[in-house]
Amino acid sequence: MSLPILHFARMPWPADWAQLFGRVAPLLVDLGFGGGDSLVSLAQENPGANVLGIEISLPSLRRGARKLLNGGLSNARVLQGDSFTSLRLLFQPQSISGVTINFPDPWPKARHESRRVINPSFLELLASKMLHNAPLNIATDHEAYQEAIETYLSESPYFKSSTNEPYVLSVENRRQTKYERIALSEGRIPRYYLWQRNDIDATSVFPIPEETAVPHVVFLTSLNLDQLGERFEPFHVQDGDVHIKYLDMYRSVERDMLFVEAFVSEEPFPQRIGLGIRGRHTGDLVLSLHEIGFPRPTPGIHMAVQHLMDWLHEQDPDLTIVNSTLADGIEP
């Protein structure tokens, strides 16, 4: 028996945490729990809370899930996803009772600093999801990241120090994480930022993307699938803030179908998807979203179908639409 690993892309947006945990309780979140020690500690110390660990690494997720199961900690779950996207998509405003971030990846190279999870935009997102006075505990041993975190927290209008100091150098009864032990053994001095959400309402809005019907278009064309495949070349479309890259087209060896690989860059949830063009016994063709990869039918996905239809129409100006489920305002 194993504890299931949740995945943010396969869950309702937002998630129903009370149903998932089987009870209504304060929700504590451990972002990037790594080896799982902090997650286990959080669950043990807060039996009356629902504890969620979010991590991108599958090996870390498996270790964390195993440690929770071995510890009999039924009040905790693990979820695969990046922190920013998971927070934005899965949590209602003011639904989180506490956040822990232990030794996040410092991305030490200057050109990679933008990948650090803690930045002003991330703190605004956190503020919109956290309850007033909820604790925010951060630890890091990386000097440059320490300075950045202190600056971001001090400049944020939504957080205040719980100790009246930017950070402390030790925390009583703290259970050390794997990375913390490594840092101490190598002579680095971690800083612990014990802050909390204040009572100023967050003004930034982070809307959850609307999910629409799964898009498909039925059409008639004088071109067959082989002819369409011969004409395809990779192309890129920008539609507002959405970027769509059509990467490749493949011919199925067993089915009367073309498969188009595409990447849809749409905030806050970019998706690599497959679009299928298949023939039907009625003589028409269907362009639809393929189920591979558990795609979500967001507005950007409808745009991807729309612009592929535009390309098809360029190949055959006499193409006609028989039926379409594209969202309102998106016309092929």
C-alpha atoms as a PDB file:
ATOM      1  CA  MET A   1       0.000   0.000   0.000  1.00  0.00           C
ATOM      2  CA  SER A   2       1.249   3.493  -0.815  1.00  0.00           C
ATOM      3  CA  LEU A   3       0.087   7.036  -0.328  1.00  0.00           C
ATOM      4  CA  PRO A   4      -1.154   8.393  -3.670  1.00  0.00           C
ATOM      5  CA  ILE A   5       0.716  11.272  -5.279  1.00  0.00           C
ATOM      6  CA  LEU A   6      -1.637  14.012  -6.410  1.00  0.00           C
ATOM      7  CA  HIS A   7      -0.951  16.036  -9.559  1.00  0.00           C
ATOM      8  CA  PHE A   8      -2.118  19.625  -9.899  1.00  0.00           C
ATOM      9  CA  ALA A   9      -3.050  19.232 -13.580  1.00  0.00           C
ATOM     10  CA  ARG A  10      -5.456  16.375 -12.818  1.00  0.00           C
ATOM     11  CA  MET A  11      -7.322  18.076  -9.993  1.00  0.00           C
ATOM     12  CA  PRO A  12     -10.267  20.450 -10.015  1.00  0.00           C
ATOM     13  CA  TRP A  13      -9.366  24.143 -10.129  1.00  0.00           C
ATOM     14  CA  PRO A  14      -9.662  25.133  -7.306  1.00  0.00           C
ATOM     15  CA  ALA A  15      -9.339  21.923  -5.306  1.00  0.00           C
ATOM     16  CA  ASP A  16     -11.822  20.847  -2.655  1.00  0.00           C
ATOM     17  CA  TRP A  17      -9.335  20.213   0.153  1.00  0.00           C
ATOM     18  CA  ALA A  18     -11.953  19.287   2.742  1.00  0.00           C
ATOM     19  CA  GLN A  19     -13.218  16.510   0.490  1.00  0.00           C
ATOM     20  CA  LEU A  20      -9.688  15.360  -0.368  1.00  0.00           C
ATOM     21  CA  PHE A  21      -8.631  15.123   3.294  1.00  0.00           C
ATOM     22  CA  GLY A  22     -12.010  13.883   4.455  1.00  0.00           C
ATOM     23  CA  ARG A  23     -12.473  16.677   6.968  1.00  0.00           C
ATOM     24  CA  VAL A  24     -12.629  20.422   7.437  1.00  0.00           C
ATOM     25  CA  ALA A  25      -9.411  21.637   9.106  1.00  0.00           C
ATOM     26  CA  PRO A  26      -6.802  24.390   8.814  1.00  0.00           C
ATOM     27  CA  LEU A  27      -4.614  23.856   5.752  1.00  0.00           C
ATOM     28  CA  LEU A  28      -0.815  24.029   6.114  1.00  0.00           C
ATOM     29  CA  VAL A  29       1.398  23.954   3.023  1.00  0.00           C
ATOM     30  CA  ASP A  30       5.058  22.875   2.765  1.00  0.00           C
ATOM     31  CA  LEU A  31       6.477  24.120  -0.542  1.00  0.00           C
ATOM     32  CA  GLY A  32       9.384  22.133  -2.003  1.00  0.00           C
ATOM     33  CA  PHE A  33       9.663  19.655   0.859  1.00  0.00           C
ATOM     34  CA  GLY A  34      12.664  17.831  -0.629  1.00  0.00           C
ATOM     35  CA  GLY A  35      13.562  14.813   1.504  1.00  0.00           C
ATOM     36  CA  GLY A  36      10.289  15.034   3.417  1.00  0.00           C
ATOM     37  CA  ASP A  37      11.657  15.628   6.927  1.00  0.00           C
ATOM     38  CA  SER A  38       9.995  19.032   7.270  1.00  0.00           C
ATOM     39  CA  LEU A  39       6.734  17.662   5.906  1.00  0.00           C
ATOM     40  CA  VAL A  40       6.718  14.806   8.415  1.00  0.00           C
ATOM     41  CA  SER A  41       7.525  17.211  11.228  1.00  0.00           C
ATOM     42  CA  LEU A  42       4.747  19.586  10.188  1.00  0.00           C
ATOM     43  CA  ALA A  43       2.206  16.749  10.112  1.00  0.00           C
ATOM     44  CA  GLN A  44       3.346  15.347  13.467  1.00  0.00           C
ATOM     45  CA  GLU A  45       3.254  18.723  15.201  1.00  0.00           C
ATOM     46  CA  ASN A  46      -0.144  19.678  13.796  1.00  0.00           C
ATOM     47  CA  PRO A  47      -2.462  16.641  14.013  1.00  0.00           C
ATOM     48  CA  GLY A  48      -5.500  18.908  13.874  1.00  0.00           C
ATOM     49  CA  ALA A  49      -4.455  20.413  10.533  1.00  0.00           C
ATOM     50  CA  ASN A  50      -4.549  19.167   6.968  1.00  0.00           C
ATOM     51  CA  VAL A  51      -0.943  19.251   5.710  1.00  0.00           C
ATOM     52  CA  LEU A  52      -0.054  19.419   2.027  1.00  0.00           C
ATOM     53  CA  GLY A  53       3.461  19.029   0.655  1.00  0.00           C
ATOM     54  CA  ILE A  54       4.105  20.395  -2.831  1.00  0.00           C
ATOM     55  CA  GLU A  55       7.180  19.233  -4.735  1.00  0.00           C
ATOM     56  CA  ILE A  56       8.198  18.962  -8.393  1.00  0.00           C
ATOM     57  CA  SER A  57      10.693  16.085  -8.034  1.00  0.00           C
ATOM     58  CA  LEU A  58       9.126  12.639  -8.384  1.00  0.00           C
ATOM     59  CA  PRO A  59      11.826  10.878  -6.255  1.00  0.00           C
ATOM     60  CA  SER A  60      11.237  13.445  -3.496  1.00  0.00           C
ATOM     61  CA  LEU A  61       7.488  12.919  -3.746  1.00  0.00           C
ATOM     62  CA  ARG A  62       7.929   9.170  -3.394  1.00  0.00           C
ATOM     63  CA  ARG A  63      10.227   9.581  -0.387  1.00  0.00           C
ATOM     64  CA  GLY A  64       7.858  12.035   1.249  1.00  0.00           C
ATOM     65  CA  ALA A  65       4.828   9.829   0.649  1.00  0.00           C
ATOM     66  CA  ARG A  66       6.675   6.797   2.045  1.00  0.00           C
ATOM     67  CA  LYS A  67       7.736   8.679   5.181  1.00  0.00           C
ATOM     68  CA  LEU A  68       4.176   9.874   5.797  1.00  0.00           C
ATOM     69  CA  LEU A  69       2.820   6.366   5.329  1.00  0.00           C
ATOM     70  CA  ASN A  70       5.447   4.803   7.602  1.00  0.00           C
ATOM     71  CA  GLY A  71       4.705   7.425  10.229  1.00  0.00           C
ATOM     72  CA  GLY A  72       0.975   6.778  10.082  1.00  0.00           C
ATOM     73  CA  LEU A  73       0.359  10.434   9.264  1.00  0.00           C
ATOM     74  CA  SER A  74      -3.072  10.369   7.673  1.00  0.00           C
ATOM     75  CA  ASN A  75      -3.413  14.146   7.954  1.00  0.00           C
ATOM     76  CA  ALA A  76      -0.881  14.806   5.171  1.00  0.00           C
ATOM     77  CA  ARG A  77      -0.816  14.495   1.389  1.00  0.00           C
ATOM     78  CA  VAL A  78       1.799  15.131  -1.318  1.00  0.00           C
ATOM     79  CA  LEU A  79       1.218  16.895  -4.614  1.00  0.00           C
ATOM     80  CA  GLN A  80       3.388  17.111  -7.725  1.00  0.00           C
ATOM     81  CA  GLY A  81       3.565  20.591  -9.204  1.00  0.00           C
ATOM     82  CA  ASP A  82       5.582  23.770  -9.198  1.00  0.00           C
ATOM     83  CA  SER A  83       4.831  26.113  -6.315  1.00  0.00           C
ATOM     84  CA  PHE A  84       3.555  29.172  -8.186  1.00  0.00           C
ATOM     85  CA  THR A  85       1.229  27.315 -10.540  1.00  0.00           C
ATOM     86  CA  SER A  86      -0.138  25.024  -7.845  1.00  0.00           C
ATOM     87  CA  LEU A  87      -0.854  27.901  -5.491  1.00  0.00           C
ATOM     88  CA  ARG A  88      -2.583  29.895  -8.177  1.00  0.00           C
ATOM     89  CA  LEU A  89      -4.751  27.109  -9.581  1.00  0.00           C
ATOM     90  CA  LEU A  90      -5.680  25.002  -6.570  1.00  0.00           C
ATOM     91  CA  PHE A  91      -6.313  27.403  -3.693  1.00  0.00           C
ATOM     92  CA  GLN A  92      -9.171  29.772  -2.996  1.00  0.00           C
ATOM     93  CA  PRO A  93      -8.359  33.246  -1.640  1.00  0.00           C
ATOM     94  CA  GLN A  94      -7.582  33.220   2.099  1.00  0.00           C
ATOM     95  CA  SER A  95      -7.657  29.429   2.356  1.00  0.00           C
ATOM     96  CA  ILE A  96      -4.141  28.655   3.660  1.00  0.00           C
ATOM     97  CA  SER A  97      -3.385  28.733   7.397  1.00  0.00           C
ATOM     98  CA  GLY A  98       0.407  28.549   7.148  1.00  0.00           C
ATOM     99  CA  VAL A  99       3.257  28.157   4.650  1.00  0.00           C
ATOM    100  CA  THR A 100       6.720  26.616   5.086  1.00  0.00           C
ATOM    101  CA  ILE A 101       9.550  26.959   2.557  1.00  0.00           C
ATOM    102  CA  ASN A 102      12.759  25.190   3.543  1.00  0.00           C
ATOM    103  CA  PHE A 103      15.968  25.734   1.571  1.00  0.00           C
ATOM    104  CA  PRO A 104      14.479  26.494  -1.841  1.00  0.00           C
ATOM    105  CA  ASP A 105      16.739  26.062  -4.848  1.00  0.00           C
ATOM    106  CA  PRO A 106      18.926  29.213  -4.850  1.00  0.00           C
ATOM    107  CA  TRP A 107      19.619  29.144  -8.615  1.00  0.00           C
ATOM    108  CA  PRO A 108      23.029  30.706  -7.875  1.00  0.00           C
ATOM    109  CA  LYS A 109      23.949  31.737 -11.429  1.00  0.00           C
ATOM    110  CA  ALA A 110      22.937  35.307 -12.213  1.00  0.00           C
ATOM    111  CA  ARG A 111      21.175  34.320 -15.429  1.00  0.00           C
ATOM    112  CA  HIS A 112      19.006  31.860 -13.489  1.00  0.00           C
ATOM    113  CA  GLU A 113      17.914  34.153 -10.643  1.00  0.00           C
ATOM    114  CA  SER A 114      14.514  34.660 -12.249  1.00  0.00           C
ATOM    115  CA  ARG A 115      13.780  30.973 -11.547  1.00  0.00           C
ATOM    116  CA  ARG A 116      13.886  31.462  -7.787  1.00  0.00           C
ATOM    117  CA  VAL A 117      10.509  30.779  -6.266  1.00  0.00           C
ATOM    118  CA  ILE A 118      10.582  33.694  -3.800  1.00  0.00           C
ATOM    119  CA  ASN A 119      10.134  37.058  -5.468  1.00  0.00           C
ATOM    120  CA  PRO A 120       7.672  39.985  -5.170  1.00  0.00           C
ATOM    121  CA  SER A 121       5.085  38.397  -7.469  1.00  0.00           C
ATOM    122  CA  PHE A 122       5.214  35.129  -5.520  1.00  0.00           C
ATOM    123  CA  LEU A 123       4.717  36.965  -2.218  1.00  0.00           C
ATOM    124  CA  GLU A 124       1.712  38.771  -3.678  1.00  0.00           C
ATOM    125  CA  LEU A 125       0.265  35.418  -4.722  1.00  0.00           C
ATOM    126  CA  LEU A 126       0.895  33.999  -1.251  1.00  0.00           C
ATOM    127  CA  ALA A 127      -0.751  37.016   0.346  1.00  0.00           C
ATOM    128  CA  SER A 128      -3.881  36.473  -1.730  1.00  0.00           C
ATOM    129  CA  LYS A 129      -4.137  32.828  -0.647  1.00  0.00           C
ATOM    130  CA  MET A 130      -3.184  33.066   3.055  1.00  0.00           C
ATOM    131  CA  LEU A 131      -5.403  33.900   5.990  1.00  0.00           C
ATOM    132  CA  HIS A 132      -4.620  37.026   7.955  1.00  0.00           C
ATOM    133  CA  ASN A 133      -1.968  36.343  10.650  1.00  0.00           C
ATOM    134  CA  ALA A 134      -1.042  32.971   9.085  1.00  0.00           C
ATOM    135  CA  PRO A 135       2.670  32.145   9.587  1.00  0.00           C
ATOM    136  CA  LEU A 136       5.176  32.179   6.740  1.00  0.00           C
ATOM    137  CA  ASN A 137       8.416  30.380   7.658  1.00  0.00           C
ATOM    138  CA  ILE A 138      11.360  30.401   5.242  1.00  0.00           C
ATOM    139  CA  ALA A 139      14.881  29.015   5.658  1.00  0.00           C
ATOM    140  CA  THR A 140      17.919  29.304   3.386  1.00  0.00           C
ATOM    141  CA  ASP A 141      21.701  29.062   3.661  1.00  0.00           C
ATOM    142  CA  HIS A 142      22.525  30.872   0.405  1.00  0.00           C
ATOM    143  CA  GLU A 143      23.907  34.351   1.099  1.00  0.00           C
ATOM    144  CA  ALA A 144      22.635  36.115  -2.029  1.00  0.00           C
ATOM    145  CA  TYR A 145      19.209  34.511  -1.669  1.00  0.00           C
ATOM    146  CA  GLN A 146      19.143  35.528   2.005  1.00  0.00           C
ATOM    147  CA  GLU A 147      19.612  39.168   1.057  1.00  0.00           C
ATOM    148  CA  ALA A 148      16.940  38.963  -1.640  1.00  0.00           C
ATOM    149  CA  ILE A 149      14.400  37.283   0.659  1.00  0.00           C
ATOM    150  CA  GLU A 150      14.972  39.877   3.359  1.00  0.00           C
ATOM    151  CA  THR A 151      14.457  42.679   0.844  1.00  0.00           C
ATOM    152  CA  TYR A 152      11.325  41.167  -0.668  1.00  0.00           C
ATOM    153  CA  LEU A 153       9.724  40.485   2.714  1.00  0.00           C
ATOM    154  CA  SER A 154      10.582  43.914   4.079  1.00  0.00           C
ATOM    155  CA  GLU A 155       9.172  45.648   1.021  1.00  0.00           C
ATOM    156  CA  SER A 156       5.979  43.586   0.851  1.00  0.00           C
ATOM    157  CA  PRO A 157       2.923  45.377   2.280  1.00  0.00           C
ATOM    158  CA  TYR A 158       1.342  42.052   3.256  1.00  0.00           C
ATOM    159  CA  PHE A 159       3.786  40.466   5.692  1.00  0.00           C
ATOM    160  CA  LYS A 160       5.383  41.305   9.025  1.00  0.00           C
ATOM    161  CA  SER A 161       8.107  39.696  11.107  1.00  0.00           C
ATOM    162  CA  SER A 162       6.923  37.539  13.994  1.00  0.00           C
ATOM    163  CA  THR A 163      10.135  38.274  15.919  1.00  0.00           C
ATOM    164  CA  ASN A 164      10.492  41.998  15.092  1.00  0.00           C
ATOM    165  CA  GLU A 165      13.734  41.018  13.331  1.00  0.00           C
ATOM    166  CA  PRO A 166      14.232  40.154   9.657  1.00  0.00           C
ATOM    167  CA  TYR A 167      15.573  36.719  10.568  1.00  0.00           C
ATOM    168  CA  VAL A 168      16.938  34.587  13.391  1.00  0.00           C
ATOM    169  CA  LEU A 169      19.894  32.199  13.360  1.00  0.00           C
ATOM    170  CA  SER A 170      18.262  29.384  15.322  1.00  0.00           C
ATOM    171  CA  VAL A 171      14.803  28.033  16.031  1.00  0.00           C
ATOM    172  CA  GLU A 172      14.094  26.138  19.243  1.00  0.00           C
ATOM    173  CA  ASN A 173      13.120  22.470  18.787  1.00  0.00           C
ATOM    174  CA  ARG A 174      13.483  22.712  15.025  1.00  0.00           C
ATOM    175  CA  ARG A 175      13.837  19.419  13.157  1.00  0.00           C
ATOM    176  CA  GLN A 176      16.689  19.856  10.705  1.00  0.00           C
ATOM    177  CA  THR A 177      16.222  18.968   7.051  1.00  0.00           C
ATOM    178  CA  LYS A 178      18.723  17.085   4.898  1.00  0.00           C
ATOM    179  CA  TYR A 179      19.899  20.267   3.168  1.00  0.00           C
ATOM    180  CA  GLU A 180      20.121  22.069   6.485  1.00  0.00           C
ATOM    181  CA  ARG A 181      22.443  19.412   7.889  1.00  0.00           C
ATOM    182  CA  ILE A 182      24.599  19.615   4.773  1.00  0.00           C
ATOM    183  CA  ALA A 183      24.813  23.400   5.032  1.00  0.00           C
ATOM    184  CA  LEU A 184      25.817  23.291   8.693  1.00  0.00           C
ATOM    185  CA  SER A 185      28.414  20.571   8.099  1.00  0.00           C
ATOM    186  CA  GLU A 186      29.976  22.706   5.360  1.00  0.00           C
ATOM    187  CA  GLY A 187      30.113  25.794   7.543  1.00  0.00           C
ATOM    188  CA  ARG A 188      27.230  27.780   6.043  1.00  0.00           C
ATOM    189  CA  ILE A 189      24.934  29.616   8.416  1.00  0.00           C
ATOM    190  CA  PRO A 190      21.225  29.299   7.649  1.00  0.00           C
ATOM    191  CA  ARG A 191      18.860  32.160   8.304  1.00  0.00           C
ATOM    192  CA  TYR A 192      15.298  31.543   9.427  1.00  0.00           C
ATOM    193  CA  TYR A 193      12.653  34.049   8.401  1.00  0.00           C
ATOM    194  CA  LEU A 194       9.744  33.775  10.821  1.00  0.00           C
ATOM    195  CA  TRP A 195       7.147  36.050   9.319  1.00  0.00           C
ATOM    196  CA  GLN A 196       3.368  36.113   9.100  1.00  0.00           C
ATOM    197  CA  ARG A 197       0.585  37.471   6.971  1.00  0.00           C
ATOM    198  CA  ASN A 198      -0.650  40.802   8.277  1.00  0.00           C
ATOM    199  CA  ASP A 199      -4.247  42.080   8.145  1.00  0.00           C
ATOM    200  CA  ILE A 200      -3.960  44.163   4.959  1.00  0.00           C
ATOM    201  CA  ASP A 201      -6.198  42.769   2.235  1.00  0.00           C
ATOM    202  CA  ALA A 202      -4.329  41.705  -0.896  1.00  0.00           C
ATOM    203  CA  THR A 203      -5.211  43.843  -3.899  1.00  0.00           C
ATOM    204  CA  SER A 204      -3.583  41.689  -6.565  1.00  0.00           C
ATOM    205  CA  VAL A 205      -5.896  39.330  -8.400  1.00  0.00           C
ATOM    206  CA  PHE A 206      -4.734  35.919  -9.592  1.00  0.00           C
ATOM    207  CA  PRO A 207      -7.753  34.487 -11.409  1.00  0.00           C
ATOM    208  CA  ILE A 208      -8.025  30.773 -11.997  1.00  0.00           C
ATOM    209  CA  PRO A 209      -8.215  30.067 -15.753  1.00  0.00           C
ATOM    210  CA  GLU A 210     -11.648  29.258 -17.039  1.00  0.00           C
ATOM    211  CA  GLU A 211     -12.180  25.720 -18.261  1.00  0.00           C
ATOM    212  CA  THR A 212     -14.437  25.372 -21.261  1.00  0.00           C
ATOM    213  CA  ALA A 213     -15.817  22.533 -23.340  1.00  0.00           C
ATOM    214  CA  VAL A 214     -13.252  20.293 -25.008  1.00  0.00           C
ATOM    215  CA  PRO A 215     -12.725  21.928 -28.412  1.00  0.00           C
ATOM    216  CA  HIS A 216     -13.309  20.173 -31.693  1.00  0.00           C
ATOM    217  CA  VAL A 217     -14.153  21.268 -35.214  1.00  0.00           C
ATOM    218  CA  VAL A 218     -15.779  19.111 -37.909  1.00  0.00           C
ATOM    219  CA  PHE A 219     -14.936  20.290 -41.423  1.00  0.00           C
ATOM    220  CA  LEU A 220     -14.930  19.358 -45.072  1.00  0.00           C
ATOM    221  CA  THR A 221     -11.897  19.782 -47.340  1.00  0.00           C
ATOM    222  CA  SER A 222     -10.810  18.520 -50.722  1.00  0.00           C
ATOM    223  CA  LEU A 223      -7.362  17.712 -49.279  1.00  0.00           C
ATOM    224  CA  ASN A 224      -6.610  14.340 -47.731  1.00  0.00           C
ATOM    225  CA  LEU A 225      -4.454  13.719 -44.659  1.00  0.00           C
ATOM    226  CA  ASP A 226      -1.352  12.810 -46.648  1.00  0.00           C
ATOM    227  CA  GLN A 227      -1.562  16.074 -48.579  1.00  0.00           C
ATOM    228  CA  LEU A 228      -1.951  18.075 -45.366  1.00  0.00           C
ATOM    229  CA  GLY A 229       1.007  16.277 -43.806  1.00  0.00           C
ATOM    230  CA  GLU A 230       3.215  17.076 -46.792  1.00  0.00           C
ATOM    231  CA  ARG A 231       2.424  20.800 -46.476  1.00  0.00           C
ATOM    232  CA  PHE A 232       3.072  21.186 -42.761  1.00  0.00           C
ATOM    233  CA  GLU A 233       6.027  23.168 -41.472  1.00  0.00           C
ATOM    234  CA  PRO A 234       6.501  24.257 -37.842  1.00  0.00           C
ATOM    235  CA  PHE A 235       5.090  27.704 -37.083  1.00  0.00           C
ATOM    236  CA  HIS A 236       4.425  30.061 -34.186  1.00  0.00           C
ATOM    237  CA  VAL A 237       1.396  32.227 -33.399  1.00  0.00           C
ATOM    238  CA  GLN A 238       0.983  34.929 -30.764  1.00  0.00           C
ATOM    239  CA  ASP A 239      -2.598  35.699 -29.755  1.00  0.00           C
ATOM    240  CA  GLY A 240      -2.587  38.407 -27.073  1.00  0.00           C
ATOM    241  CA  ASP A 241      -0.538  37.032 -24.185  1.00  0.00           C
ATOM    242  CA  VAL A 242      -0.782  33.449 -25.459  1.00  0.00           C
ATOM    243  CA  HIS A 243       2.058  31.979 -27.531  1.00  0.00           C
ATOM    244  CA  ILE A 244       1.391  28.816 -29.532  1.00  0.00           C
ATOM    245  CA  LYS A 245       4.129  26.786 -31.178  1.00  0.00           C
ATOM    246  CA  TYR A 246       3.135  24.063 -33.625  1.00  0.00           C
ATOM    247  CA  LEU A 247       6.177  21.827 -33.429  1.00  0.00           C
ATOM    248  CA  ASP A 248       5.600  18.813 -35.634  1.00  0.00           C
ATOM    249  CA  MET A 249       2.994  16.719 -37.435  1.00  0.00           C
ATOM    250  CA  TYR A 250       2.947  12.911 -37.443  1.00  0.00           C
ATOM    251  CA  ARG A 251       0.995  10.410 -39.533  1.00  0.00           C
ATOM    252  CA  SER A 252      -0.514   7.483 -37.661  1.00  0.00           C
ATOM    253  CA  VAL A 253       0.453   4.096 -39.072  1.00  0.00           C
ATOM    254  CA  GLU A 254      -2.704   2.389 -37.790  1.00  0.00           C
ATOM    255  CA  ARG A 255      -5.387   5.070 -37.815  1.00  0.00           C
ATOM    256  CA  ASP A 256      -6.584   7.561 -40.382  1.00  0.00           C
ATOM    257  CA  MET A 257      -5.180  10.444 -38.352  1.00  0.00           C
ATOM    258  CA  LEU A 258      -2.584  13.202 -38.216  1.00  0.00           C
ATOM    259  CA  PHE A 259      -1.138  14.130 -34.825  1.00  0.00           C
ATOM    260  CA  VAL A 260       0.086  17.701 -34.297  1.00  0.00           C
ATOM    261  CA  GLU A 261       2.439  18.370 -31.398  1.00  0.00           C
ATOM    262  CA  ALA A 262       2.040  21.889 -29.987  1.00  0.00           C
ATOM    263  CA  PHE A 263       3.143  23.968 -27.019  1.00  0.00           C
ATOM    264  CA  VAL A 264       0.729  26.534 -25.587  1.00  0.00           C
ATOM    265  CA  SER A 265       2.361  29.163 -23.362  1.00  0.00           C
ATOM    266  CA  GLU A 266      -0.540  30.536 -21.332  1.00  0.00           C
ATOM    267  CA  GLU A 267      -0.408  31.993 -17.847  1.00  0.00           C
ATOM    268  CA  PRO A 268      -0.336  30.418 -15.398  1.00  0.00           C
ATOM    269  CA  PHE A 269      -0.427  26.956 -16.943  1.00  0.00           C
ATOM    270  CA  PRO A 270       1.642  26.234 -20.067  1.00  0.00           C
ATOM    271  CA  GLN A 271       0.766  22.954 -21.747  1.00  0.00           C
ATOM    272  CA  ARG A 272       2.374  20.666 -24.307  1.00  0.00           C
ATOM    273  CA  ILE A 273      -0.551  19.147 -26.148  1.00  0.00           C
ATOM    274  CA  GLY A 274      -1.506  16.934 -29.041  1.00  0.00           C
ATOM    275  CA  LEU A 275      -4.112  17.916 -31.627  1.00  0.00           C
ATOM    276  CA  GLY A 276      -5.588  15.176 -33.780  1.00  0.00           C
ATOM    277  CA  ILE A 277      -6.940  15.515 -37.308  1.00  0.00           C
ATOM    278  CA  ARG A 278      -8.830  12.359 -38.175  1.00  0.00           C
ATOM    279  CA  GLY A 279     -11.030  11.203 -40.971  1.00  0.00           C
ATOM    280  CA  ARG A 280     -14.555   9.884 -40.443  1.00  0.00           C
ATOM    281  CA  HIS A 281     -16.612   7.404 -42.427  1.00  0.00           C
ATOM    282  CA  THR A 282     -18.948  10.273 -43.330  1.00  0.00           C
ATOM    283  CA  GLY A 283     -16.161  11.825 -45.417  1.00  0.00           C
ATOM    284  CA  ASP A 284     -15.482  14.838 -43.232  1.00  0.00           C
ATOM    285  CA  LEU A 285     -12.554  15.465 -40.878  1.00  0.00           C
ATOM    286  CA  VAL A 286     -12.416  16.279 -37.175  1.00  0.00           C
ATOM    287  CA  LEU A 287      -9.816  18.465 -35.478  1.00  0.00           C
ATOM    288  CA  SER A 288      -9.820  17.823 -31.749  1.00  0.00           C
ATOM    289  CA  LEU A 289      -7.743  17.883 -28.585  1.00  0.00           C
ATOM    290  CA  HIS A 290      -6.011  14.558 -27.978  1.00  0.00           C
ATOM    291  CA  GLU A 291      -6.320  13.131 -24.476  1.00  0.00           C
ATOM    292  CA  ILE A 292      -2.599  12.346 -24.182  1.00  0.00           C
ATOM    293  CA  GLY A 293      -0.987  14.151 -21.219  1.00  0.00           C
ATOM    294  CA  PHE A 294      -4.282  15.024 -19.470  1.00  0.00           C
ATOM    295  CA  PRO A 295      -4.717  18.412 -21.197  1.00  0.00           C
ATOM    296  CA  ARG A 296      -7.008  21.056 -19.699  1.00  0.00           C
ATOM    297  CA  PRO A 297      -9.343  22.858 -22.136  1.00  0.00           C
ATOM    298  CA  THR A 298      -8.377  26.418 -21.239  1.00  0.00           C
ATOM    299  CA  PRO A 299      -8.932  29.448 -23.517  1.00  0.00           C
ATOM    300  CA  GLY A 300      -5.370  29.023 -24.830  1.00  0.00           C
ATOM    301  CA  ILE A 301      -6.182  25.496 -25.985  1.00  0.00           C
ATOM    302  CA  HIS A 302      -9.200  26.795 -27.900  1.00  0.00           C
ATOM    303  CA  MET A 303      -6.895  29.367 -29.503  1.00  0.00           C
ATOM    304  CA  ALA A 304      -4.535  26.561 -30.526  1.00  0.00           C
ATOM    305  CA  VAL A 305      -7.381  24.759 -32.286  1.00  0.00           C
ATOM    306  CA  GLN A 306      -8.530  28.008 -33.881  1.00  0.00           C
ATOM    307  CA  HIS A 307      -5.129  28.869 -35.328  1.00  0.00           C
ATOM    308  CA  LEU A 308      -4.583  25.358 -36.627  1.00  0.00           C
ATOM    309  CA  MET A 309      -7.946  25.687 -38.362  1.00  0.00           C
ATOM    310  CA  ASP A 310      -6.685  28.961 -39.840  1.00  0.00           C
ATOM    311  CA  TRP A 311      -3.684  27.080 -41.228  1.00  0.00           C
ATOM    312  CA  LEU A 312      -5.941  24.380 -42.661  1.00  0.00           C
ATOM    313  CA  HIS A 313      -8.070  27.038 -44.322  1.00  0.00           C
ATOM    314  CA  GLU A 314      -4.938  28.544 -45.885  1.00  0.00           C
ATOM    315  CA  GLN A 315      -4.203  25.143 -47.426  1.00  0.00           C
ATOM    316  CA  ASP A 316      -7.755  24.904 -48.784  1.00  0.00           C
ATOM    317  CA  PRO A 317      -9.638  28.207 -49.145  1.00  0.00           C
ATOM    318  CA  ASP A 318     -12.809  26.229 -49.953  1.00  0.00           C
ATOM    319  CA  LEU A 319     -12.742  24.397 -46.602  1.00  0.00           C
ATOM    320  CA  THR A 320     -16.124  24.501 -44.853  1.00  0.00           C
ATOM    321  CA  ILE A 321     -17.036  24.131 -41.187  1.00  0.00           C
ATOM    322  CA  VAL A 322     -19.706  21.563 -40.367  1.00  0.00           C
ATOM    323  CA  ASN A 323     -19.696  21.917 -36.576  1.00  0.00           C
ATOM    324  CA  SER A 324     -17.564  23.616 -33.904  1.00  0.00           C
ATOM    325  CA  THR A 325     -17.372  23.683 -30.112  1.00  0.00           C
ATOM    326  CA  LEU A 326     -14.824  26.495 -29.965  1.00  0.00           C
ATOM    327  CA  ALA A 327     -15.464  28.935 -27.148  1.00  0.00           C
ATOM    328  CA  ASP A 328     -17.534  32.054 -27.740  1.00  0.00           C
ATOM    329  CA  GLY A 329     -15.471  34.760 -29.369  1.00  0.00           C
ATOM    330  CA  ILE A 330     -13.156  32.230 -31.038  1.00  0.00           C
ATOM    331  CA  GLU A 331     -14.178  31.557 -34.589  1.00  0.00           C
ATOM    332  CA  PRO A 332     -12.354  29.286 -37.026  1.00  0.00           C
END
